[in-house]
N, C-alpha and C. Protein backbone atom coordinates (compact mmCIF):
# COMPACT_ATOMS: atom_id res chain seq x y z
N MET A 1 -21.65 -31.73 9.97
CA MET A 1 -21.36 -30.47 10.63
C MET A 1 -20.06 -29.86 10.11
N LEU A 2 -19.06 -30.69 9.90
CA LEU A 2 -17.77 -30.21 9.39
C LEU A 2 -17.92 -29.65 7.98
N LYS A 3 -18.75 -30.29 7.18
CA LYS A 3 -18.96 -29.81 5.81
C LYS A 3 -19.63 -28.42 5.81
N LYS A 4 -20.58 -28.22 6.73
CA LYS A 4 -21.25 -26.92 6.82
C LYS A 4 -20.27 -25.84 7.25
N ALA A 5 -19.41 -26.17 8.23
CA ALA A 5 -18.42 -25.20 8.71
C ALA A 5 -17.45 -24.84 7.59
N LEU A 6 -17.02 -25.83 6.83
CA LEU A 6 -16.11 -25.58 5.70
C LEU A 6 -16.78 -24.72 4.64
N LEU A 7 -18.03 -25.00 4.36
CA LEU A 7 -18.77 -24.21 3.37
C LEU A 7 -18.91 -22.76 3.82
N ILE A 8 -19.20 -22.55 5.08
CA ILE A 8 -19.33 -21.18 5.61
C ILE A 8 -18.00 -20.45 5.51
N CYS A 9 -16.90 -21.14 5.87
CA CYS A 9 -15.56 -20.53 5.75
C CYS A 9 -15.27 -20.15 4.31
N LEU A 10 -15.59 -21.03 3.39
CA LEU A 10 -15.34 -20.75 1.97
C LEU A 10 -16.15 -19.54 1.50
N LEU A 11 -17.37 -19.41 1.96
CA LEU A 11 -18.20 -18.28 1.56
C LEU A 11 -17.62 -16.96 2.07
N PHE A 12 -17.03 -16.99 3.27
CA PHE A 12 -16.47 -15.76 3.83
C PHE A 12 -15.18 -15.34 3.15
N VAL A 13 -14.37 -16.27 2.71
CA VAL A 13 -13.06 -15.91 2.15
C VAL A 13 -13.04 -15.85 0.63
N GLN A 14 -14.11 -16.23 -0.02
CA GLN A 14 -14.07 -16.26 -1.48
C GLN A 14 -13.81 -14.87 -2.06
N GLY A 15 -12.83 -14.82 -2.92
CA GLY A 15 -12.52 -13.59 -3.62
C GLY A 15 -11.70 -12.58 -2.85
N CYS A 16 -11.35 -12.84 -1.59
CA CYS A 16 -10.59 -11.87 -0.82
C CYS A 16 -9.23 -11.59 -1.45
N SER A 17 -8.51 -12.63 -1.85
CA SER A 17 -7.19 -12.42 -2.44
C SER A 17 -7.29 -11.69 -3.77
N VAL A 18 -8.36 -11.95 -4.52
CA VAL A 18 -8.56 -11.26 -5.79
C VAL A 18 -8.72 -9.76 -5.54
N TYR A 19 -9.54 -9.42 -4.57
CA TYR A 19 -9.76 -8.00 -4.23
C TYR A 19 -8.46 -7.36 -3.74
N MET A 20 -7.74 -8.05 -2.84
CA MET A 20 -6.52 -7.48 -2.27
C MET A 20 -5.45 -7.29 -3.34
N ALA A 21 -5.33 -8.20 -4.30
CA ALA A 21 -4.34 -8.06 -5.37
C ALA A 21 -4.71 -6.90 -6.30
N ALA A 22 -5.98 -6.74 -6.58
CA ALA A 22 -6.42 -5.67 -7.48
C ALA A 22 -6.40 -4.31 -6.80
N ASP A 23 -6.65 -4.29 -5.50
CA ASP A 23 -6.75 -3.03 -4.77
C ASP A 23 -5.35 -2.49 -4.46
N GLY A 24 -4.60 -3.15 -3.64
CA GLY A 24 -3.23 -2.74 -3.32
C GLY A 24 -3.11 -1.28 -2.92
N THR A 25 -1.87 -0.86 -2.75
CA THR A 25 -1.57 0.53 -2.40
C THR A 25 -0.43 1.01 -3.27
N LYS A 26 -0.67 2.06 -4.01
CA LYS A 26 0.38 2.60 -4.87
C LYS A 26 1.49 3.19 -4.01
N GLU A 27 2.71 2.79 -4.31
CA GLU A 27 3.86 3.22 -3.52
C GLU A 27 4.23 4.67 -3.83
N PRO A 28 4.33 5.53 -2.81
CA PRO A 28 4.73 6.92 -3.06
C PRO A 28 6.20 6.99 -3.45
N GLN A 29 6.56 7.95 -4.26
CA GLN A 29 7.95 8.13 -4.69
C GLN A 29 8.67 9.02 -3.68
N VAL A 30 9.00 8.45 -2.52
CA VAL A 30 9.64 9.23 -1.47
C VAL A 30 11.05 9.65 -1.85
N SER A 31 11.64 9.00 -2.85
CA SER A 31 12.97 9.42 -3.30
C SER A 31 12.93 10.81 -3.93
N ASN A 32 11.74 11.25 -4.36
CA ASN A 32 11.58 12.58 -4.93
C ASN A 32 11.41 13.66 -3.87
N PHE A 33 11.21 13.28 -2.61
CA PHE A 33 11.06 14.25 -1.54
C PHE A 33 12.42 14.88 -1.26
N LYS A 34 12.41 16.17 -0.99
CA LYS A 34 13.68 16.85 -0.74
C LYS A 34 13.45 18.07 0.16
N ASP A 35 14.54 18.56 0.71
CA ASP A 35 14.47 19.78 1.51
C ASP A 35 13.91 20.90 0.63
N GLY A 36 13.13 21.77 1.23
CA GLY A 36 12.56 22.90 0.50
C GLY A 36 11.12 22.67 0.05
N MET A 37 10.63 21.42 0.14
CA MET A 37 9.23 21.15 -0.21
C MET A 37 8.33 21.74 0.88
N SER A 38 7.13 22.06 0.51
CA SER A 38 6.18 22.57 1.49
C SER A 38 5.47 21.40 2.18
N ARG A 39 4.91 21.70 3.32
CA ARG A 39 4.14 20.67 4.04
C ARG A 39 2.95 20.21 3.19
N PHE A 40 2.34 21.13 2.47
CA PHE A 40 1.22 20.80 1.60
C PHE A 40 1.65 19.78 0.54
N GLN A 41 2.83 19.95 -0.06
CA GLN A 41 3.30 19.02 -1.07
C GLN A 41 3.50 17.62 -0.49
N VAL A 42 4.10 17.55 0.69
CA VAL A 42 4.34 16.26 1.33
C VAL A 42 3.01 15.58 1.66
N GLU A 43 2.10 16.33 2.26
CA GLU A 43 0.83 15.73 2.67
C GLU A 43 -0.09 15.43 1.51
N SER A 44 0.09 16.08 0.37
CA SER A 44 -0.73 15.74 -0.79
C SER A 44 -0.34 14.36 -1.34
N ILE A 45 0.86 13.91 -1.02
CA ILE A 45 1.31 12.59 -1.46
C ILE A 45 1.10 11.54 -0.37
N LEU A 46 1.44 11.86 0.87
CA LEU A 46 1.40 10.87 1.95
C LEU A 46 0.16 10.95 2.84
N GLY A 47 -0.60 12.02 2.72
CA GLY A 47 -1.75 12.18 3.61
C GLY A 47 -1.32 12.82 4.92
N ALA A 48 -2.22 12.80 5.87
CA ALA A 48 -1.96 13.43 7.17
C ALA A 48 -0.92 12.62 7.95
N PRO A 49 -0.12 13.29 8.76
CA PRO A 49 0.87 12.57 9.56
C PRO A 49 0.19 11.77 10.68
N VAL A 50 0.86 10.71 11.11
CA VAL A 50 0.35 9.93 12.24
C VAL A 50 0.75 10.57 13.56
N SER A 51 1.76 11.45 13.50
CA SER A 51 2.23 12.14 14.69
C SER A 51 2.75 13.51 14.28
N TYR A 52 2.47 14.50 15.12
CA TYR A 52 2.93 15.86 14.83
C TYR A 52 3.21 16.55 16.15
N LYS A 53 4.39 17.17 16.27
CA LYS A 53 4.69 17.91 17.50
C LYS A 53 5.59 19.09 17.20
N LYS A 54 5.44 20.11 18.04
CA LYS A 54 6.27 21.31 17.94
C LYS A 54 7.62 21.04 18.61
N LEU A 55 8.68 21.55 18.00
CA LEU A 55 10.02 21.42 18.54
C LEU A 55 10.55 22.79 18.90
N ALA A 56 11.76 22.82 19.44
CA ALA A 56 12.40 24.10 19.75
C ALA A 56 12.74 24.84 18.45
N ASN A 57 13.09 26.08 18.56
CA ASN A 57 13.52 26.91 17.41
C ASN A 57 12.45 27.04 16.34
N ASN A 58 11.18 27.06 16.75
CA ASN A 58 10.06 27.23 15.80
C ASN A 58 10.01 26.15 14.73
N GLN A 59 10.46 24.97 15.05
CA GLN A 59 10.37 23.85 14.12
C GLN A 59 9.30 22.89 14.58
N SER A 60 8.89 22.01 13.68
CA SER A 60 7.93 20.97 14.03
C SER A 60 8.35 19.66 13.38
N GLN A 61 7.92 18.56 13.98
CA GLN A 61 8.26 17.23 13.48
C GLN A 61 6.97 16.50 13.15
N ALA A 62 6.93 15.94 11.96
CA ALA A 62 5.78 15.14 11.53
C ALA A 62 6.28 13.76 11.14
N ILE A 63 5.53 12.74 11.53
CA ILE A 63 5.87 11.36 11.16
C ILE A 63 4.74 10.83 10.30
N TYR A 64 5.12 10.34 9.12
CA TYR A 64 4.17 9.79 8.16
C TYR A 64 4.43 8.30 8.02
N LYS A 65 3.37 7.54 7.81
CA LYS A 65 3.52 6.12 7.52
C LYS A 65 3.00 5.88 6.10
N PHE A 66 3.68 4.99 5.40
CA PHE A 66 3.26 4.61 4.06
C PHE A 66 3.65 3.17 3.81
N GLU A 67 3.03 2.56 2.81
CA GLU A 67 3.26 1.15 2.52
C GLU A 67 4.03 0.99 1.22
N VAL A 68 4.98 0.06 1.22
CA VAL A 68 5.74 -0.26 0.02
C VAL A 68 5.59 -1.76 -0.26
N GLY A 69 5.72 -2.13 -1.52
CA GLY A 69 5.69 -3.53 -1.91
C GLY A 69 4.31 -4.14 -2.03
N ASN A 70 3.29 -3.33 -2.17
CA ASN A 70 1.93 -3.85 -2.29
C ASN A 70 1.16 -3.09 -3.36
N GLU A 71 1.79 -2.92 -4.50
CA GLU A 71 1.14 -2.20 -5.61
C GLU A 71 -0.02 -3.02 -6.18
N PRO A 72 -1.06 -2.38 -6.68
CA PRO A 72 -2.15 -3.11 -7.33
C PRO A 72 -1.62 -3.87 -8.55
N ASP A 73 -2.11 -5.09 -8.76
CA ASP A 73 -1.64 -5.92 -9.86
C ASP A 73 -2.83 -6.69 -10.45
N SER A 74 -3.34 -6.21 -11.57
CA SER A 74 -4.51 -6.85 -12.18
C SER A 74 -4.17 -8.25 -12.71
N GLY A 75 -2.93 -8.47 -13.12
CA GLY A 75 -2.53 -9.80 -13.59
C GLY A 75 -2.58 -10.83 -12.48
N ARG A 76 -2.07 -10.43 -11.30
CA ARG A 76 -2.11 -11.34 -10.15
C ARG A 76 -3.55 -11.57 -9.71
N ALA A 77 -4.38 -10.55 -9.77
CA ALA A 77 -5.79 -10.70 -9.41
C ALA A 77 -6.48 -11.67 -10.36
N ALA A 78 -6.18 -11.58 -11.65
CA ALA A 78 -6.77 -12.50 -12.62
C ALA A 78 -6.31 -13.93 -12.37
N LEU A 79 -5.05 -14.10 -12.00
CA LEU A 79 -4.53 -15.43 -11.69
C LEU A 79 -5.24 -16.01 -10.47
N TRP A 80 -5.43 -15.19 -9.42
CA TRP A 80 -6.13 -15.67 -8.23
C TRP A 80 -7.58 -16.01 -8.54
N LEU A 81 -8.22 -15.24 -9.41
CA LEU A 81 -9.60 -15.53 -9.79
C LEU A 81 -9.69 -16.86 -10.52
N ALA A 82 -8.76 -17.09 -11.45
CA ALA A 82 -8.74 -18.37 -12.18
C ALA A 82 -8.50 -19.53 -11.21
N ALA A 83 -7.59 -19.34 -10.26
CA ALA A 83 -7.34 -20.39 -9.26
C ALA A 83 -8.57 -20.65 -8.41
N ASP A 84 -9.30 -19.58 -8.04
CA ASP A 84 -10.53 -19.75 -7.27
C ASP A 84 -11.56 -20.56 -8.04
N ILE A 85 -11.74 -20.22 -9.29
CA ILE A 85 -12.74 -20.92 -10.10
C ILE A 85 -12.33 -22.38 -10.30
N PHE A 86 -11.07 -22.61 -10.61
CA PHE A 86 -10.58 -23.96 -10.88
C PHE A 86 -10.64 -24.85 -9.64
N THR A 87 -10.39 -24.28 -8.46
CA THR A 87 -10.35 -25.09 -7.23
C THR A 87 -11.62 -24.92 -6.38
N LEU A 88 -12.64 -24.28 -6.92
CA LEU A 88 -13.88 -24.01 -6.18
C LEU A 88 -13.59 -23.26 -4.88
N PHE A 89 -12.73 -22.25 -4.99
CA PHE A 89 -12.36 -21.32 -3.92
C PHE A 89 -11.47 -21.91 -2.83
N ILE A 90 -10.98 -23.11 -3.00
CA ILE A 90 -10.05 -23.69 -2.03
C ILE A 90 -8.71 -22.96 -2.09
N ALA A 91 -8.38 -22.41 -3.25
CA ALA A 91 -7.12 -21.67 -3.40
C ALA A 91 -7.05 -20.48 -2.45
N GLU A 92 -8.20 -19.98 -2.02
CA GLU A 92 -8.21 -18.83 -1.10
C GLU A 92 -7.45 -19.10 0.19
N PHE A 93 -7.41 -20.36 0.61
CA PHE A 93 -6.68 -20.70 1.83
C PHE A 93 -5.18 -20.45 1.68
N PHE A 94 -4.70 -20.34 0.45
CA PHE A 94 -3.28 -20.10 0.19
C PHE A 94 -3.03 -18.69 -0.34
N THR A 95 -3.92 -18.23 -1.20
CA THR A 95 -3.69 -16.93 -1.83
C THR A 95 -4.00 -15.75 -0.90
N THR A 96 -4.98 -15.89 -0.03
CA THR A 96 -5.29 -14.80 0.90
C THR A 96 -4.16 -14.56 1.89
N PRO A 97 -3.59 -15.59 2.54
CA PRO A 97 -2.44 -15.33 3.42
C PRO A 97 -1.25 -14.73 2.66
N TYR A 98 -1.07 -15.14 1.41
CA TYR A 98 0.01 -14.56 0.61
C TYR A 98 -0.22 -13.07 0.42
N GLU A 99 -1.43 -12.69 0.06
CA GLU A 99 -1.74 -11.27 -0.15
C GLU A 99 -1.65 -10.48 1.15
N MET A 100 -2.02 -11.10 2.25
CA MET A 100 -1.97 -10.41 3.54
C MET A 100 -0.53 -10.15 3.98
N SER A 101 0.40 -10.98 3.51
CA SER A 101 1.80 -10.82 3.92
C SER A 101 2.57 -9.85 3.04
N LYS A 102 1.97 -9.41 1.94
CA LYS A 102 2.65 -8.48 1.03
C LYS A 102 2.69 -7.08 1.63
N GLY A 103 3.71 -6.38 1.29
CA GLY A 103 3.83 -4.99 1.71
C GLY A 103 4.53 -4.83 3.04
N GLU A 104 5.10 -3.66 3.20
CA GLU A 104 5.83 -3.32 4.42
C GLU A 104 5.54 -1.86 4.74
N THR A 105 5.28 -1.59 6.00
CA THR A 105 5.01 -0.22 6.42
C THR A 105 6.32 0.49 6.74
N LYS A 106 6.51 1.65 6.16
CA LYS A 106 7.70 2.47 6.40
C LYS A 106 7.27 3.76 7.08
N ARG A 107 8.26 4.40 7.72
CA ARG A 107 8.03 5.69 8.39
C ARG A 107 8.94 6.75 7.78
N LEU A 108 8.39 7.92 7.61
CA LEU A 108 9.16 9.07 7.15
C LEU A 108 9.03 10.16 8.20
N THR A 109 10.16 10.59 8.75
CA THR A 109 10.17 11.67 9.74
C THR A 109 10.60 12.94 9.03
N VAL A 110 9.79 13.98 9.14
CA VAL A 110 10.05 15.25 8.46
C VAL A 110 10.13 16.36 9.50
N ILE A 111 11.15 17.19 9.37
CA ILE A 111 11.27 18.38 10.21
C ILE A 111 10.92 19.59 9.33
N TYR A 112 9.98 20.41 9.82
CA TYR A 112 9.55 21.61 9.11
C TYR A 112 10.03 22.84 9.88
N ASN A 113 10.32 23.91 9.13
CA ASN A 113 10.63 25.18 9.80
C ASN A 113 9.32 25.89 10.13
N ASP A 114 9.40 27.11 10.63
CA ASP A 114 8.19 27.82 11.04
C ASP A 114 7.29 28.22 9.87
N ASP A 115 7.80 28.13 8.64
CA ASP A 115 6.99 28.40 7.44
C ASP A 115 6.44 27.11 6.82
N ASP A 116 6.53 25.98 7.53
CA ASP A 116 6.10 24.66 7.04
C ASP A 116 6.84 24.23 5.78
N ILE A 117 8.13 24.50 5.74
CA ILE A 117 9.01 24.06 4.66
C ILE A 117 9.93 22.98 5.21
N VAL A 118 10.13 21.91 4.44
CA VAL A 118 10.95 20.78 4.88
C VAL A 118 12.40 21.22 5.03
N THR A 119 12.96 20.92 6.20
CA THR A 119 14.39 21.19 6.44
C THR A 119 15.18 19.90 6.62
N SER A 120 14.46 18.79 6.92
CA SER A 120 15.14 17.52 7.13
C SER A 120 14.16 16.37 6.89
N LEU A 121 14.68 15.32 6.25
CA LEU A 121 13.89 14.11 5.98
C LEU A 121 14.68 12.89 6.47
N GLU A 122 13.97 11.93 7.06
CA GLU A 122 14.62 10.70 7.48
C GLU A 122 13.66 9.54 7.31
N ILE A 123 14.08 8.56 6.51
CA ILE A 123 13.25 7.37 6.30
C ILE A 123 13.69 6.29 7.26
């Protein structure tokens, strides 16, 4: 029974770390963001905000979330694939948690004027 359970677990996790290493999330260059950018420019890089509200003085606040430290890496994916093949997927018990722990979510708070132009940025 234990062997069957182990086999089922191995079938479910096989290749997960390989996919996660190859997929990743490209880090946005938030250092290039500056006052005077349009809302369209910001959202074309970061996507839709997770929060948006109107403020006083015809301003609005948008909060964006993005991930850093989890760029796609084909070399790491190839290494995990070789480890999977060499260990008959036992390496997944170590490589998948490693891949799951990579990356950090950051927040960017942007204040827009009434023309949807950035007046303030805060990471």
